[in-house]
Amino acid sequence: MKNFIFIILSVALLAGCAARTPAVGAQAARTYDQSWSAAVDALRAQGVRITSQDRAAGVVEGVSKGVTIAANIKKQADGSARAQFNTKGTINSDPGLIRRITKSYNSGIGQ
């Protein structure tokens, strides 16, 4: 029964994500510095031209094929850090971009 409720809630949450495209599966890094470096490296590895970086705020933004990508790094209560990648605008020019960025990020933090 708990699994059924979890599945229903998961589907409901995913259905509400149509306005922007968040990455799924970005893992937590051991430290903020590790997460920051992995996020910047992941964006660059996937051909994203970085347009702004604010390490203190945990935000990196860039552009690829007309799509704006933002990485947001947040410290967790246990001292680890997590990245979330989002796009602004249409992703029709490269629909797999966020998935590839997330995969590069996870690889960069050793996941």
N, C-alpha and C. Protein backbone atom coordinates (compact mmCIF):
# COMPACT_ATOMS: atom_id res chain seq x y z
N MET A 1 0.82 -1.19 0.00
CA MET A 1 0.00 0.00 0.00
C MET A 1 0.87 1.26 0.00
N LYS A 2 1.97 1.25 0.79
CA LYS A 2 2.85 2.42 0.83
C LYS A 2 3.47 2.67 -0.53
N ASN A 3 3.85 1.59 -1.23
CA ASN A 3 4.42 1.74 -2.57
C ASN A 3 3.41 2.35 -3.53
N PHE A 4 2.17 1.94 -3.43
CA PHE A 4 1.13 2.47 -4.29
C PHE A 4 0.96 3.97 -4.07
N ILE A 5 0.91 4.40 -2.83
CA ILE A 5 0.78 5.82 -2.50
C ILE A 5 1.99 6.59 -3.01
N PHE A 6 3.18 6.04 -2.83
CA PHE A 6 4.40 6.68 -3.32
C PHE A 6 4.35 6.87 -4.83
N ILE A 7 3.91 5.85 -5.55
CA ILE A 7 3.82 5.94 -7.01
C ILE A 7 2.82 7.01 -7.42
N ILE A 8 1.68 7.04 -6.80
CA ILE A 8 0.65 8.04 -7.13
C ILE A 8 1.18 9.45 -6.87
N LEU A 9 1.83 9.66 -5.73
CA LEU A 9 2.38 10.98 -5.42
C LEU A 9 3.49 11.36 -6.40
N SER A 10 4.31 10.41 -6.77
CA SER A 10 5.39 10.67 -7.72
C SER A 10 4.84 11.08 -9.07
N VAL A 11 3.83 10.39 -9.54
CA VAL A 11 3.23 10.73 -10.84
C VAL A 11 2.60 12.12 -10.76
N ALA A 12 1.93 12.42 -9.68
CA ALA A 12 1.31 13.74 -9.53
C ALA A 12 2.35 14.84 -9.53
N LEU A 13 3.46 14.64 -8.85
CA LEU A 13 4.52 15.64 -8.83
C LEU A 13 5.14 15.82 -10.20
N LEU A 14 5.38 14.75 -10.91
CA LEU A 14 5.96 14.83 -12.24
C LEU A 14 5.02 15.52 -13.22
N ALA A 15 3.75 15.33 -13.07
CA ALA A 15 2.78 15.96 -13.97
C ALA A 15 2.80 17.47 -13.85
N GLY A 16 3.22 17.99 -12.72
CA GLY A 16 3.24 19.44 -12.51
C GLY A 16 4.52 20.11 -12.99
N CYS A 17 5.39 19.41 -13.66
CA CYS A 17 6.69 19.95 -14.07
C CYS A 17 6.73 20.38 -15.53
N ALA A 18 5.61 20.74 -16.12
CA ALA A 18 5.59 21.06 -17.54
C ALA A 18 6.18 22.43 -17.86
N ALA A 19 6.17 23.38 -16.94
CA ALA A 19 6.62 24.74 -17.22
C ALA A 19 8.13 24.85 -17.39
N ARG A 20 8.88 24.10 -16.66
CA ARG A 20 10.33 24.10 -16.79
C ARG A 20 10.80 22.66 -16.75
N THR A 21 12.03 22.45 -17.13
CA THR A 21 12.54 21.08 -17.21
C THR A 21 13.62 20.86 -16.17
N PRO A 22 13.28 20.32 -15.00
CA PRO A 22 14.31 20.03 -14.01
C PRO A 22 15.00 18.70 -14.32
N ALA A 23 16.23 18.62 -13.93
CA ALA A 23 16.96 17.37 -14.12
C ALA A 23 16.48 16.36 -13.10
N VAL A 24 16.48 15.13 -13.50
CA VAL A 24 16.11 14.05 -12.60
C VAL A 24 17.37 13.25 -12.31
N GLY A 25 17.62 12.97 -11.06
CA GLY A 25 18.69 12.08 -10.70
C GLY A 25 20.03 12.71 -10.37
N ALA A 26 20.11 14.04 -10.21
CA ALA A 26 21.37 14.64 -9.79
C ALA A 26 21.64 14.21 -8.35
N GLN A 27 22.78 13.60 -8.13
CA GLN A 27 23.12 13.05 -6.82
C GLN A 27 23.77 14.12 -5.94
N ALA A 28 23.78 13.87 -4.64
CA ALA A 28 24.43 14.78 -3.70
C ALA A 28 25.94 14.53 -3.71
N ALA A 29 26.69 15.62 -3.67
CA ALA A 29 28.15 15.54 -3.57
C ALA A 29 28.55 15.61 -2.11
N ARG A 30 29.77 15.17 -1.80
CA ARG A 30 30.22 15.21 -0.40
C ARG A 30 30.39 16.64 0.10
N THR A 31 30.83 17.56 -0.77
CA THR A 31 31.06 18.94 -0.34
C THR A 31 30.49 19.92 -1.36
N TYR A 32 30.31 21.15 -0.93
CA TYR A 32 29.85 22.21 -1.81
C TYR A 32 30.85 22.42 -2.94
N ASP A 33 32.14 22.46 -2.62
CA ASP A 33 33.17 22.66 -3.65
C ASP A 33 33.12 21.57 -4.70
N GLN A 34 32.95 20.32 -4.29
CA GLN A 34 32.88 19.22 -5.23
C GLN A 34 31.65 19.37 -6.14
N SER A 35 30.52 19.74 -5.57
CA SER A 35 29.30 19.92 -6.34
C SER A 35 29.45 21.08 -7.32
N TRP A 36 30.03 22.19 -6.86
CA TRP A 36 30.23 23.36 -7.72
C TRP A 36 31.11 23.00 -8.92
N SER A 37 32.24 22.39 -8.65
CA SER A 37 33.17 22.03 -9.72
C SER A 37 32.53 21.05 -10.71
N ALA A 38 31.83 20.06 -10.19
CA ALA A 38 31.18 19.07 -11.06
C ALA A 38 30.10 19.71 -11.92
N ALA A 39 29.35 20.66 -11.36
CA ALA A 39 28.29 21.34 -12.12
C ALA A 39 28.89 22.17 -13.25
N VAL A 40 29.91 22.96 -12.95
CA VAL A 40 30.56 23.79 -13.98
C VAL A 40 31.16 22.88 -15.06
N ASP A 41 31.86 21.84 -14.65
CA ASP A 41 32.47 20.92 -15.61
C ASP A 41 31.42 20.21 -16.47
N ALA A 42 30.30 19.84 -15.87
CA ALA A 42 29.24 19.15 -16.61
C ALA A 42 28.64 20.06 -17.68
N LEU A 43 28.41 21.32 -17.32
CA LEU A 43 27.88 22.27 -18.31
C LEU A 43 28.86 22.42 -19.47
N ARG A 44 30.12 22.65 -19.15
CA ARG A 44 31.13 22.81 -20.21
C ARG A 44 31.27 21.55 -21.05
N ALA A 45 31.26 20.38 -20.42
CA ALA A 45 31.42 19.12 -21.15
C ALA A 45 30.31 18.91 -22.17
N GLN A 46 29.15 19.48 -21.91
CA GLN A 46 28.02 19.32 -22.82
C GLN A 46 27.85 20.51 -23.77
N GLY A 47 28.90 21.34 -23.87
CA GLY A 47 28.89 22.43 -24.85
C GLY A 47 28.13 23.67 -24.44
N VAL A 48 27.86 23.81 -23.15
CA VAL A 48 27.15 24.99 -22.67
C VAL A 48 28.16 26.13 -22.49
N ARG A 49 27.86 27.28 -23.09
CA ARG A 49 28.70 28.47 -22.93
C ARG A 49 28.26 29.16 -21.64
N ILE A 50 29.14 29.19 -20.66
CA ILE A 50 28.80 29.78 -19.36
C ILE A 50 28.76 31.29 -19.49
N THR A 51 27.64 31.86 -19.04
CA THR A 51 27.45 33.31 -19.15
C THR A 51 27.55 34.02 -17.81
N SER A 52 27.32 33.31 -16.71
CA SER A 52 27.48 33.92 -15.39
C SER A 52 27.70 32.85 -14.34
N GLN A 53 28.49 33.23 -13.33
CA GLN A 53 28.77 32.35 -12.20
C GLN A 53 28.74 33.18 -10.92
N ASP A 54 28.01 32.70 -9.93
CA ASP A 54 28.00 33.32 -8.61
C ASP A 54 28.16 32.19 -7.61
N ARG A 55 29.42 31.91 -7.29
CA ARG A 55 29.72 30.77 -6.41
C ARG A 55 29.06 30.92 -5.04
N ALA A 56 29.07 32.13 -4.48
CA ALA A 56 28.48 32.35 -3.15
C ALA A 56 26.98 32.06 -3.15
N ALA A 57 26.30 32.40 -4.24
CA ALA A 57 24.86 32.15 -4.34
C ALA A 57 24.57 30.74 -4.85
N GLY A 58 25.59 30.07 -5.40
CA GLY A 58 25.42 28.72 -5.90
C GLY A 58 24.73 28.65 -7.25
N VAL A 59 24.94 29.66 -8.09
CA VAL A 59 24.25 29.69 -9.38
C VAL A 59 25.24 29.82 -10.52
N VAL A 60 25.10 28.93 -11.50
CA VAL A 60 25.85 28.98 -12.76
C VAL A 60 24.83 28.99 -13.87
N GLU A 61 24.97 29.92 -14.82
CA GLU A 61 24.05 29.97 -15.96
C GLU A 61 24.84 29.93 -17.25
N GLY A 62 24.22 29.36 -18.26
CA GLY A 62 24.85 29.28 -19.56
C GLY A 62 23.82 29.09 -20.65
N VAL A 63 24.32 29.05 -21.90
CA VAL A 63 23.45 28.94 -23.06
C VAL A 63 24.00 27.88 -24.00
N SER A 64 23.11 27.09 -24.57
CA SER A 64 23.47 26.11 -25.59
C SER A 64 22.32 26.02 -26.59
N LYS A 65 22.61 26.29 -27.85
CA LYS A 65 21.62 26.18 -28.93
C LYS A 65 20.35 26.95 -28.62
N GLY A 66 20.50 28.14 -28.04
CA GLY A 66 19.36 28.97 -27.73
C GLY A 66 18.62 28.63 -26.46
N VAL A 67 19.10 27.64 -25.73
CA VAL A 67 18.47 27.23 -24.47
C VAL A 67 19.31 27.75 -23.32
N THR A 68 18.68 28.41 -22.36
CA THR A 68 19.37 28.87 -21.15
C THR A 68 19.30 27.76 -20.11
N ILE A 69 20.45 27.44 -19.55
CA ILE A 69 20.54 26.39 -18.53
C ILE A 69 21.04 27.02 -17.24
N ALA A 70 20.42 26.68 -16.13
CA ALA A 70 20.86 27.17 -14.82
C ALA A 70 21.16 25.98 -13.92
N ALA A 71 22.29 26.04 -13.25
CA ALA A 71 22.64 25.06 -12.22
C ALA A 71 22.54 25.77 -10.88
N ASN A 72 21.82 25.19 -9.96
CA ASN A 72 21.68 25.74 -8.61
C ASN A 72 22.25 24.74 -7.63
N ILE A 73 23.26 25.16 -6.87
CA ILE A 73 23.92 24.31 -5.90
C ILE A 73 23.42 24.71 -4.51
N LYS A 74 22.95 23.73 -3.77
CA LYS A 74 22.42 23.98 -2.43
C LYS A 74 23.10 23.07 -1.42
N LYS A 75 23.51 23.66 -0.29
CA LYS A 75 24.04 22.85 0.81
C LYS A 75 22.89 22.13 1.50
N GLN A 76 23.16 20.90 1.89
CA GLN A 76 22.20 20.08 2.61
C GLN A 76 22.51 20.12 4.11
N ALA A 77 21.57 19.73 4.92
CA ALA A 77 21.73 19.76 6.38
C ALA A 77 22.90 18.90 6.85
N ASP A 78 23.21 17.84 6.11
CA ASP A 78 24.30 16.94 6.52
C ASP A 78 25.67 17.39 6.02
N GLY A 79 25.74 18.58 5.40
CA GLY A 79 27.01 19.10 4.91
C GLY A 79 27.29 18.79 3.45
N SER A 80 26.54 17.88 2.87
CA SER A 80 26.71 17.58 1.45
C SER A 80 26.08 18.71 0.64
N ALA A 81 26.19 18.62 -0.66
CA ALA A 81 25.59 19.62 -1.53
C ALA A 81 24.92 18.93 -2.70
N ARG A 82 23.88 19.54 -3.22
CA ARG A 82 23.12 18.97 -4.32
C ARG A 82 22.96 20.03 -5.41
N ALA A 83 23.02 19.57 -6.65
CA ALA A 83 22.82 20.46 -7.80
C ALA A 83 21.47 20.16 -8.44
N GLN A 84 20.83 21.21 -8.91
CA GLN A 84 19.62 21.06 -9.71
C GLN A 84 19.84 21.84 -10.99
N PHE A 85 19.56 21.23 -12.12
CA PHE A 85 19.72 21.85 -13.41
C PHE A 85 18.34 22.12 -14.01
N ASN A 86 18.14 23.33 -14.50
CA ASN A 86 16.87 23.71 -15.11
C ASN A 86 17.12 24.42 -16.42
N THR A 87 16.14 24.34 -17.32
CA THR A 87 16.22 25.08 -18.57
C THR A 87 15.16 26.16 -18.58
N LYS A 88 15.45 27.19 -19.35
CA LYS A 88 14.48 28.26 -19.60
C LYS A 88 14.32 28.34 -21.11
N GLY A 89 13.09 28.34 -21.55
CA GLY A 89 12.84 28.37 -22.99
C GLY A 89 12.60 26.97 -23.52
N THR A 90 12.42 26.89 -24.80
CA THR A 90 12.13 25.61 -25.43
C THR A 90 13.38 24.76 -25.54
N ILE A 91 13.23 23.48 -25.35
CA ILE A 91 14.38 22.57 -25.45
C ILE A 91 14.32 21.75 -26.73
N ASN A 92 13.48 22.16 -27.66
CA ASN A 92 13.32 21.41 -28.91
C ASN A 92 14.63 21.26 -29.68
N SER A 93 15.53 22.21 -29.56
CA SER A 93 16.79 22.13 -30.30
C SER A 93 17.72 21.05 -29.74
N ASP A 94 17.52 20.66 -28.47
CA ASP A 94 18.37 19.62 -27.86
C ASP A 94 17.63 19.00 -26.66
N PRO A 95 16.64 18.17 -26.92
CA PRO A 95 15.81 17.64 -25.82
C PRO A 95 16.55 16.76 -24.82
N GLY A 96 17.71 16.21 -25.15
CA GLY A 96 18.45 15.36 -24.22
C GLY A 96 19.51 16.09 -23.42
N LEU A 97 19.57 17.41 -23.55
CA LEU A 97 20.65 18.19 -22.92
C LEU A 97 20.68 18.02 -21.41
N ILE A 98 19.56 18.20 -20.74
CA ILE A 98 19.54 18.12 -19.27
C ILE A 98 19.95 16.72 -18.81
N ARG A 99 19.49 15.69 -19.49
CA ARG A 99 19.86 14.32 -19.12
C ARG A 99 21.38 14.14 -19.23
N ARG A 100 21.98 14.66 -20.30
CA ARG A 100 23.43 14.52 -20.48
C ARG A 100 24.20 15.34 -19.45
N ILE A 101 23.72 16.53 -19.13
CA ILE A 101 24.37 17.36 -18.10
C ILE A 101 24.32 16.64 -16.76
N THR A 102 23.17 16.09 -16.41
CA THR A 102 23.01 15.39 -15.14
C THR A 102 23.93 14.18 -15.09
N LYS A 103 24.05 13.45 -16.19
CA LYS A 103 24.93 12.29 -16.24
C LYS A 103 26.40 12.72 -16.05
N SER A 104 26.79 13.82 -16.70
CA SER A 104 28.15 14.34 -16.55
C SER A 104 28.40 14.79 -15.11
N TYR A 105 27.41 15.46 -14.51
CA TYR A 105 27.54 15.91 -13.11
C TYR A 105 27.73 14.70 -12.19
N ASN A 106 26.86 13.70 -12.33
CA ASN A 106 26.96 12.52 -11.47
C ASN A 106 28.30 11.82 -11.64
N SER A 107 28.80 11.78 -12.86
CA SER A 107 30.11 11.20 -13.11
C SER A 107 31.20 12.03 -12.43
N GLY A 108 31.05 13.34 -12.46
CA GLY A 108 32.04 14.24 -11.86
C GLY A 108 32.12 14.15 -10.35
N ILE A 109 31.04 13.73 -9.71
CA ILE A 109 31.08 13.58 -8.25
C ILE A 109 31.31 12.13 -7.85
N GLY A 110 31.58 11.30 -8.84
CA GLY A 110 31.90 9.90 -8.55
C GLY A 110 30.72 8.99 -8.35
N GLN A 111 29.57 9.32 -8.90
CA GLN A 111 28.37 8.47 -8.77
C GLN A 111 28.20 7.62 -10.00
